[in-house]
C-alpha atoms as a PDB file:
ATOM      1  CA  MET A   1      99.060 -45.635 -11.806  1.00  0.00           C
ATOM      2  CA  LYS A   2     101.456 -42.841 -13.248  1.00  0.00           C
ATOM      3  CA  ILE A   3      98.807 -40.200 -12.245  1.00  0.00           C
ATOM      4  CA  MET A   4      98.693 -41.595  -8.725  1.00  0.00           C
ATOM      5  CA  LYS A   5     102.411 -41.501  -8.399  1.00  0.00           C
ATOM      6  CA  SER A   6     102.518 -37.986  -9.621  1.00  0.00           C
ATOM      7  CA  VAL A   7      99.805 -36.919  -7.037  1.00  0.00           C
ATOM      8  CA  LEU A   8     101.835 -38.609  -4.219  1.00  0.00           C
ATOM      9  CA  MET A   9     105.014 -36.856  -5.315  1.00  0.00           C
ATOM     10  CA  LEU A  10     103.270 -33.518  -5.261  1.00  0.00           C
ATOM     11  CA  LEU A  11     101.838 -34.203  -1.712  1.00  0.00           C
ATOM     12  CA  LEU A  12     105.147 -35.288  -0.414  1.00  0.00           C
ATOM     13  CA  PHE A  13     106.855 -32.218  -1.950  1.00  0.00           C
ATOM     14  CA  ALA A  14     104.221 -29.844  -0.411  1.00  0.00           C
ATOM     15  CA  CYS A  15     104.587 -31.354   3.081  1.00  0.00           C
ATOM     16  CA  SER A  16     108.340 -31.190   2.826  1.00  0.00           C
ATOM     17  CA  ALA A  17     108.275 -27.601   1.717  1.00  0.00           C
ATOM     18  CA  ASN A  18     105.944 -26.546   4.552  1.00  0.00           C
ATOM     19  CA  PHE A  19     108.194 -28.346   7.076  1.00  0.00           C
ATOM     20  CA  PHE A  20     111.315 -26.717   5.547  1.00  0.00           C
ATOM     21  CA  ALA A  21     109.619 -23.311   5.772  1.00  0.00           C
ATOM     22  CA  LEU A  22     108.792 -23.728   9.461  1.00  0.00           C
ATOM     23  CA  ALA A  23     112.292 -24.865  10.123  1.00  0.00           C
ATOM     24  CA  GLN A  24     113.838 -21.920   8.184  1.00  0.00           C
ATOM     25  CA  SER A  25     111.500 -19.484  10.186  1.00  0.00           C
ATOM     26  CA  GLY A  26     112.660 -20.835  13.539  1.00  0.00           C
ATOM     27  CA  ALA A  27     109.093 -21.735  14.496  1.00  0.00           C
ATOM     28  CA  ILE A  28     108.472 -23.531  17.607  1.00  0.00           C
ATOM     29  CA  THR A  29     105.168 -25.517  18.100  1.00  0.00           C
ATOM     30  CA  PHE A  30     103.763 -25.137  21.730  1.00  0.00           C
ATOM     31  CA  GLY A  31     100.283 -24.803  23.198  1.00  0.00           C
ATOM     32  CA  GLN A  32      96.727 -25.009  21.748  1.00  0.00           C
ATOM     33  CA  VAL A  33      94.152 -22.589  20.522  1.00  0.00           C
ATOM     34  CA  MET A  34      90.319 -23.055  19.979  1.00  0.00           C
ATOM     35  CA  PRO A  35      87.446 -20.712  19.177  1.00  0.00           C
ATOM     36  CA  LEU A  36      84.861 -20.160  21.920  1.00  0.00           C
ATOM     37  CA  GLU A  37      81.985 -21.865  20.075  1.00  0.00           C
ATOM     38  CA  LYS A  38      84.029 -25.092  19.761  1.00  0.00           C
ATOM     39  CA  THR A  39      84.372 -25.254  23.584  1.00  0.00           C
ATOM     40  CA  LEU A  40      80.547 -24.763  24.059  1.00  0.00           C
ATOM     41  CA  ASN A  41      79.035 -26.856  21.215  1.00  0.00           C
ATOM     42  CA  GLU A  42      81.297 -29.911  20.708  1.00  0.00           C
ATOM     43  CA  THR A  43      81.784 -32.858  23.024  1.00  0.00           C
ATOM     44  CA  THR A  44      85.240 -33.423  21.669  1.00  0.00           C
ATOM     45  CA  VAL A  45      86.960 -30.041  21.305  1.00  0.00           C
ATOM     46  CA  GLN A  46      89.298 -29.785  18.298  1.00  0.00           C
ATOM     47  CA  LYS A  47      92.277 -27.743  19.399  1.00  0.00           C
ATOM     48  CA  HIS A  48      94.911 -26.324  17.045  1.00  0.00           C
ATOM     49  CA  ALA A  49      98.549 -26.212  17.724  1.00  0.00           C
ATOM     50  CA  LEU A  50     100.120 -22.867  18.255  1.00  0.00           C
ATOM     51  CA  ASN A  51     103.299 -21.788  16.271  1.00  0.00           C
ATOM     52  CA  TRP A  52     105.801 -19.309  17.819  1.00  0.00           C
ATOM     53  CA  LEU A  53     108.295 -17.350  15.864  1.00  0.00           C
ATOM     54  CA  ASN A  54     111.715 -16.187  17.187  1.00  0.00           C
ATOM     55  CA  VAL A  55     111.998 -12.338  17.115  1.00  0.00           C
ATOM     56  CA  ASN A  56     115.272 -11.433  18.540  1.00  0.00           C
ATOM     57  CA  THR A  57     116.664 -14.178  20.608  1.00  0.00           C
ATOM     58  CA  ASP A  58     119.022 -17.084  19.766  1.00  0.00           C
ATOM     59  CA  SER A  59     117.965 -20.327  18.080  1.00  0.00           C
ATOM     60  CA  ALA A  60     118.886 -22.125  21.328  1.00  0.00           C
ATOM     61  CA  THR A  61     116.986 -19.705  23.622  1.00  0.00           C
ATOM     62  CA  TRP A  62     113.692 -21.594  23.366  1.00  0.00           C
ATOM     63  CA  TYR A  63     113.170 -25.311  23.019  1.00  0.00           C
ATOM     64  CA  VAL A  64     110.489 -27.843  23.725  1.00  0.00           C
ATOM     65  CA  GLU A  65     111.194 -30.969  25.935  1.00  0.00           C
ATOM     66  CA  GLY A  66     108.331 -33.207  26.353  1.00  0.00           C
ATOM     67  CA  GLU A  67     105.225 -31.037  27.400  1.00  0.00           C
ATOM     68  CA  LEU A  68     107.434 -28.216  28.500  1.00  0.00           C
ATOM     69  CA  LEU A  69     108.597 -25.077  26.694  1.00  0.00           C
ATOM     70  CA  LYS A  70     111.918 -24.129  28.155  1.00  0.00           C
ATOM     71  CA  CYS A  71     113.663 -20.751  27.945  1.00  0.00           C
ATOM     72  CA  THR A  72     117.274 -20.186  28.897  1.00  0.00           C
ATOM     73  CA  GLY A  73     116.643 -16.510  29.526  1.00  0.00           C
ATOM     74  CA  LYS A  74     119.568 -15.459  27.233  1.00  0.00           C
ATOM     75  CA  PRO A  75     119.625 -13.074  25.334  1.00  0.00           C
ATOM     76  CA  ILE A  76     116.942 -10.749  26.545  1.00  0.00           C
ATOM     77  CA  GLY A  77     114.251 -10.666  23.850  1.00  0.00           C
ATOM     78  CA  VAL A  78     110.946 -12.311  22.851  1.00  0.00           C
ATOM     79  CA  MET A  79     109.351 -14.825  20.561  1.00  0.00           C
ATOM     80  CA  ARG A  80     105.781 -14.156  19.171  1.00  0.00           C
ATOM     81  CA  SER A  81     102.734 -16.010  18.267  1.00  0.00           C
ATOM     82  CA  GLU A  82     102.297 -16.666  14.593  1.00  0.00           C
ATOM     83  CA  LYS A  83      98.972 -14.782  14.404  1.00  0.00           C
ATOM     84  CA  LEU A  84      97.333 -11.826  16.027  1.00  0.00           C
ATOM     85  CA  TYR A  85      94.824 -12.046  18.838  1.00  0.00           C
ATOM     86  CA  GLU A  86      92.083  -9.564  19.828  1.00  0.00           C
ATOM     87  CA  ASN A  87      89.682 -10.834  22.453  1.00  0.00           C
ATOM     88  CA  PHE A  88      90.792 -14.124  24.190  1.00  0.00           C
ATOM     89  CA  ILE A  89      91.301 -16.133  27.358  1.00  0.00           C
ATOM     90  CA  LEU A  90      94.939 -17.241  27.934  1.00  0.00           C
ATOM     91  CA  HIS A  91      95.699 -20.030  30.352  1.00  0.00           C
ATOM     92  CA  VAL A  92      99.433 -20.648  30.989  1.00  0.00           C
ATOM     93  CA  GLU A  93     101.494 -22.266  33.784  1.00  0.00           C
ATOM     94  CA  TRP A  94     105.028 -21.200  34.493  1.00  0.00           C
ATOM     95  CA  ARG A  95     107.846 -21.804  37.001  1.00  0.00           C
ATOM     96  CA  HIS A  96     111.181 -19.974  37.479  1.00  0.00           C
ATOM     97  CA  MET A  97     114.298 -22.116  37.864  1.00  0.00           C
ATOM     98  CA  GLU A  98     116.473 -19.394  39.343  1.00  0.00           C
ATOM     99  CA  ALA A  99     116.030 -17.168  42.389  1.00  0.00           C
ATOM    100  CA  GLY A 100     115.046 -13.661  41.406  1.00  0.00           C
ATOM    101  CA  GLY A 101     114.307 -14.717  37.747  1.00  0.00           C
ATOM    102  CA  ASN A 102     112.380 -12.337  35.350  1.00  0.00           C
ATOM    103  CA  SER A 103     110.035 -13.010  32.651  1.00  0.00           C
ATOM    104  CA  GLY A 104     106.515 -12.283  31.345  1.00  0.00           C
ATOM    105  CA  VAL A 105     103.942 -12.423  28.729  1.00  0.00           C
ATOM    106  CA  PHE A 106     103.220  -9.503  26.377  1.00  0.00           C
ATOM    107  CA  VAL A 107      99.593  -9.315  24.953  1.00  0.00           C
ATOM    108  CA  TRP A 108      98.400  -7.092  22.233  1.00  0.00           C
ATOM    109  CA  SER A 109     102.035  -6.549  21.173  1.00  0.00           C
ATOM    110  CA  ASP A 110     103.485  -5.205  18.010  1.00  0.00           C
ATOM    111  CA  ALA A 111     106.409  -7.690  18.436  1.00  0.00           C
ATOM    112  CA  LYS A 112     108.872  -4.949  17.406  1.00  0.00           C
ATOM    113  CA  PRO A 113     111.467  -4.752  20.021  1.00  0.00           C
ATOM    114  CA  ASP A 114     113.001  -1.539  21.088  1.00  0.00           C
ATOM    115  CA  GLU A 115     116.728  -1.367  20.188  1.00  0.00           C
ATOM    116  CA  LYS A 116     117.825  -0.668  23.685  1.00  0.00           C
ATOM    117  CA  SER A 117     115.551  -2.649  25.908  1.00  0.00           C
ATOM    118  CA  ARG A 118     115.046  -5.387  23.317  1.00  0.00           C
ATOM    119  CA  LEU A 119     111.417  -5.737  24.443  1.00  0.00           C
ATOM    120  CA  PRO A 120     108.221  -4.792  22.351  1.00  0.00           C
ATOM    121  CA  ALA A 121     105.279  -2.601  22.912  1.00  0.00           C
ATOM    122  CA  GLY A 122     102.071  -4.149  24.493  1.00  0.00           C
ATOM    123  CA  VAL A 123     100.741  -4.822  27.934  1.00  0.00           C
ATOM    124  CA  GLU A 124     103.065  -6.986  30.013  1.00  0.00           C
ATOM    125  CA  VAL A 125     101.862  -9.582  32.455  1.00  0.00           C
ATOM    126  CA  GLN A 126     104.791  -9.734  34.815  1.00  0.00           C
ATOM    127  CA  MET A 127     106.406 -13.017  35.959  1.00  0.00           C
ATOM    128  CA  LEU A 128     109.017 -12.414  38.600  1.00  0.00           C
ATOM    129  CA  GLU A 129     110.593 -14.934  41.047  1.00  0.00           C
ATOM    130  CA  LEU A 130     109.775 -13.993  44.681  1.00  0.00           C
ATOM    131  CA  ASP A 131     113.490 -13.462  45.591  1.00  0.00           C
ATOM    132  CA  TRP A 132     113.508 -10.488  43.042  1.00  0.00           C
ATOM    133  CA  VAL A 133     112.700  -8.094  45.804  1.00  0.00           C
ATOM    134  CA  ASN A 134     115.702  -9.197  47.851  1.00  0.00           C
ATOM    135  CA  GLN A 135     118.102  -8.867  44.904  1.00  0.00           C
ATOM    136  CA  HIS A 136     116.880  -5.348  43.953  1.00  0.00           C
ATOM    137  CA  MET A 137     116.807  -3.365  47.253  1.00  0.00           C
ATOM    138  CA  GLN A 138     117.172   0.460  46.871  1.00  0.00           C
ATOM    139  CA  ASN A 139     118.575   2.414  49.723  1.00  0.00           C
ATOM    140  CA  GLY A 140     118.222  -0.583  51.941  1.00  0.00           C
ATOM    141  CA  GLU A 141     114.499  -1.013  51.339  1.00  0.00           C
ATOM    142  CA  LYS A 142     112.847  -3.897  49.444  1.00  0.00           C
ATOM    143  CA  PRO A 143     110.364  -3.272  46.654  1.00  0.00           C
ATOM    144  CA  PRO A 144     106.782  -4.160  47.472  1.00  0.00           C
ATOM    145  CA  ILE A 145     106.047  -7.964  47.078  1.00  0.00           C
ATOM    146  CA  ALA A 146     103.098  -6.943  44.914  1.00  0.00           C
ATOM    147  CA  TYR A 147     105.562  -5.923  42.201  1.00  0.00           C
ATOM    148  CA  VAL A 148     106.561  -9.459  41.485  1.00  0.00           C
ATOM    149  CA  HIS A 149     103.086 -10.853  41.750  1.00  0.00           C
ATOM    150  CA  GLY A 150     101.511 -10.503  38.391  1.00  0.00           C
ATOM    151  CA  GLU A 151     101.899  -6.742  37.896  1.00  0.00           C
ATOM    152  CA  LEU A 152     100.239  -5.428  34.694  1.00  0.00           C
ATOM    153  CA  PHE A 153     101.646  -2.426  32.712  1.00  0.00           C
ATOM    154  CA  GLY A 154     101.837  -0.808  29.318  1.00  0.00           C
ATOM    155  CA  ALA A 155     105.304  -1.103  27.635  1.00  0.00           C
ATOM    156  CA  GLY A 156     106.652   0.681  24.695  1.00  0.00           C
ATOM    157  CA  GLY A 157     104.309   3.431  24.759  1.00  0.00           C
ATOM    158  CA  THR A 158     101.179   1.427  25.343  1.00  0.00           C
ATOM    159  CA  THR A 159      98.984   3.095  27.986  1.00  0.00           C
ATOM    160  CA  THR A 160      96.426   1.589  30.443  1.00  0.00           C
ATOM    161  CA  ILE A 161      94.360   2.611  33.340  1.00  0.00           C
ATOM    162  CA  PRO A 162      95.371   0.429  36.451  1.00  0.00           C
ATOM    163  CA  ASP A 163      92.694  -1.145  38.713  1.00  0.00           C
ATOM    164  CA  ASN A 164      95.193  -1.061  41.569  1.00  0.00           C
ATOM    165  CA  PRO A 165      97.623   1.897  40.788  1.00  0.00           C
ATOM    166  CA  ARG A 166     101.374   1.787  41.413  1.00  0.00           C
ATOM    167  CA  GLY A 167     102.230   4.757  39.382  1.00  0.00           C
ATOM    168  CA  GLU A 168     101.114   3.953  35.876  1.00  0.00           C
ATOM    169  CA  ARG A 169     101.315   0.124  36.681  1.00  0.00           C
ATOM    170  CA  SER A 170      98.590  -2.094  38.395  1.00  0.00           C
ATOM    171  CA  LYS A 171      99.772  -4.223  41.344  1.00  0.00           C
ATOM    172  CA  SER A 172      98.135  -7.304  42.682  1.00  0.00           C
ATOM    173  CA  ILE A 173      95.868  -7.057  45.657  1.00  0.00           C
ATOM    174  CA  GLU A 174      97.035 -10.348  47.172  1.00  0.00           C
ATOM    175  CA  ASN A 175     100.375 -12.272  46.840  1.00  0.00           C
ATOM    176  CA  ARG A 176      99.628 -15.780  45.604  1.00  0.00           C
ATOM    177  CA  CYS A 177     102.815 -16.506  43.622  1.00  0.00           C
ATOM    178  CA  LYS A 178     104.935 -19.457  44.503  1.00  0.00           C
ATOM    179  CA  GLY A 179     108.776 -19.453  44.426  1.00  0.00           C
ATOM    180  CA  LYS A 180     111.643 -21.085  42.599  1.00  0.00           C
ATOM    181  CA  GLY A 181     110.966 -24.458  41.041  1.00  0.00           C
ATOM    182  CA  GLU A 182     107.205 -24.303  41.738  1.00  0.00           C
ATOM    183  CA  TRP A 183     104.463 -24.117  39.157  1.00  0.00           C
ATOM    184  CA  ASN A 184     102.161 -20.891  38.994  1.00  0.00           C
ATOM    185  CA  THR A 185      98.970 -20.583  36.996  1.00  0.00           C
ATOM    186  CA  TYR A 186      97.858 -17.447  35.234  1.00  0.00           C
ATOM    187  CA  ASP A 187      94.451 -16.982  33.651  1.00  0.00           C
ATOM    188  CA  VAL A 188      94.397 -13.830  31.677  1.00  0.00           C
ATOM    189  CA  ILE A 189      91.106 -12.505  30.157  1.00  0.00           C
ATOM    190  CA  CYS A 190      91.731  -9.885  27.445  1.00  0.00           C
ATOM    191  CA  VAL A 191      88.491  -8.124  25.993  1.00  0.00           C
ATOM    192  CA  ASP A 192      88.284  -4.786  24.311  1.00  0.00           C
ATOM    193  CA  GLY A 193      91.194  -3.202  26.109  1.00  0.00           C
ATOM    194  CA  THR A 194      90.400  -4.637  29.455  1.00  0.00           C
ATOM    195  CA  ILE A 195      92.593  -7.215  31.043  1.00  0.00           C
ATOM    196  CA  LYS A 196      91.818  -9.308  34.204  1.00  0.00           C
ATOM    197  CA  LEU A 197      94.454 -11.565  35.724  1.00  0.00           C
ATOM    198  CA  ALA A 198      93.846 -14.618  38.023  1.00  0.00           C
ATOM    199  CA  VAL A 199      96.927 -16.081  39.801  1.00  0.00           C
ATOM    200  CA  ASN A 200      96.710 -19.628  41.104  1.00  0.00           C
ATOM    201  CA  GLY A 201      92.941 -19.616  41.090  1.00  0.00           C
ATOM    202  CA  ARG A 202      91.986 -16.066  42.116  1.00  0.00           C
ATOM    203  CA  PHE A 203      91.511 -12.811  40.369  1.00  0.00           C
ATOM    204  CA  VAL A 204      93.801 -10.250  41.775  1.00  0.00           C
ATOM    205  CA  ASN A 205      94.593  -7.581  39.274  1.00  0.00           C
ATOM    206  CA  GLY A 206      93.380  -5.668  36.123  1.00  0.00           C
ATOM    207  CA  VAL A 207      93.804  -2.848  33.752  1.00  0.00           C
ATOM    208  CA  ARG A 208      91.399  -1.199  31.271  1.00  0.00           C
ATOM    209  CA  GLN A 209      91.310   1.213  28.365  1.00  0.00           C
ATOM    210  CA  ALA A 210      94.522  -0.083  26.882  1.00  0.00           C
ATOM    211  CA  SER A 211      95.721   1.932  23.883  1.00  0.00           C
ATOM    212  CA  ARG A 212      96.250  -1.391  22.068  1.00  0.00           C
ATOM    213  CA  LYS A 213      93.532  -3.995  21.661  1.00  0.00           C
ATOM    214  CA  LYS A 214      94.947  -6.371  19.106  1.00  0.00           C
ATOM    215  CA  GLY A 215      98.379  -7.840  18.582  1.00  0.00           C
ATOM    216  CA  TYR A 216     100.770 -10.736  19.021  1.00  0.00           C
ATOM    217  CA  LEU A 217     101.392 -12.781  22.074  1.00  0.00           C
ATOM    218  CA  CYS A 218     105.028 -12.588  23.116  1.00  0.00           C
ATOM    219  CA  LEU A 219     106.878 -14.708  25.593  1.00  0.00           C
ATOM    220  CA  GLU A 220     109.703 -12.929  27.218  1.00  0.00           C
ATOM    221  CA  SER A 221     113.238 -14.100  27.811  1.00  0.00           C
ATOM    222  CA  GLU A 222     114.866 -11.833  30.332  1.00  0.00           C
ATOM    223  CA  GLY A 223     118.051 -13.276  31.898  1.00  0.00           C
ATOM    224  CA  ALA A 224     116.915 -16.370  33.841  1.00  0.00           C
ATOM    225  CA  GLU A 225     115.743 -19.848  32.964  1.00  0.00           C
ATOM    226  CA  ILE A 226     111.966 -20.249  32.944  1.00  0.00           C
ATOM    227  CA  HIS A 227     109.609 -23.141  31.949  1.00  0.00           C
ATOM    228  CA  PHE A 228     106.118 -22.949  30.524  1.00  0.00           C
ATOM    229  CA  ARG A 229     103.419 -25.732  30.358  1.00  0.00           C
ATOM    230  CA  ASN A 230      99.820 -26.153  29.364  1.00  0.00           C
ATOM    231  CA  LEU A 231      99.421 -22.959  27.334  1.00  0.00           C
ATOM    232  CA  GLN A 232      95.955 -22.686  25.925  1.00  0.00           C
ATOM    233  CA  ILE A 233      94.024 -19.889  24.211  1.00  0.00           C
ATOM    234  CA  ILE A 234      90.251 -19.600  23.839  1.00  0.00           C
ATOM    235  CA  GLU A 235      89.444 -17.088  21.140  1.00  0.00           C
ATOM    236  CA  LEU A 236      86.502 -14.851  21.832  1.00  0.00           C
ATOM    237  CA  PRO A 237      84.357 -12.649  19.435  1.00  0.00           C
ATOM    238  CA  PRO A 238      85.833  -9.408  18.174  1.00  0.00           C
ATOM    239  CA  GLY A 239      84.746  -6.162  19.918  1.00  0.00           C
ATOM    240  CA  THR A 240      82.656  -3.285  18.606  1.00  0.00           C
ATOM    241  CA  ASN A 241      83.729  -0.449  20.999  1.00  0.00           C
ATOM    242  CA  GLY A 242      85.738   1.597  18.618  1.00  0.00           C
ATOM    243  CA  PRO A 243      88.669   0.933  16.181  1.00  0.00           C
ATOM    244  CA  THR A 244      91.166  -1.698  17.050  1.00  0.00           C
ATOM    245  CA  ILE A 245      94.787  -0.637  17.072  1.00  0.00           C
ATOM    246  CA  ASN A 246      96.892  -3.031  14.942  1.00  0.00           C
ATOM    247  CA  PRO A 247     100.654  -3.515  15.052  1.00  0.00           C
END
């Protein structure tokens, strides 16, 4: 009996220590991840919860409410996935709560924010609310609507070759985004330096030969409230087409 009590006490201590460590690190649990073989070979897929760590935002910037991850947008910055990802499929649904809101997801990121911009290196998958173009007119002219619709580009020195060039960035070939308060769906396939993006059920953009091919996922806080739901990652086999650039 004494041995059993000692074992139970050790287990309780271990669980408490793990919970305390997550709390101290500011971790948020949101989303699920699964390896590809599990989705193909098992009737009941075992999914694992995703942990996210605050990088340079406030403790109140991100919070889970029911099945939603909510971001206040302030201050500008990111939180990152607990682990690195190389080849994967990302599914995420999002909605802006403010007209002209700005946010995005960084893939293959180093999660090391620039001191001035407060954002990290990686490839950004842009999430702008449709009214952004009306709020950022230059010389009386609106930016192209394709800019807000899932534009892909390298940030922090990361380079890519755009499928649909707008300078060094890649713009979408069709506007499929919905506006404030409405849910949008992004499916992002990231394999060996190539990224393909589907918006609300159709592939509309891509980049290739990214200079980074492995890194963290980062969710972006950039001035406006945004909500996320149903974030899922399917991990794919690692690549063989040359060395992977790590953070």
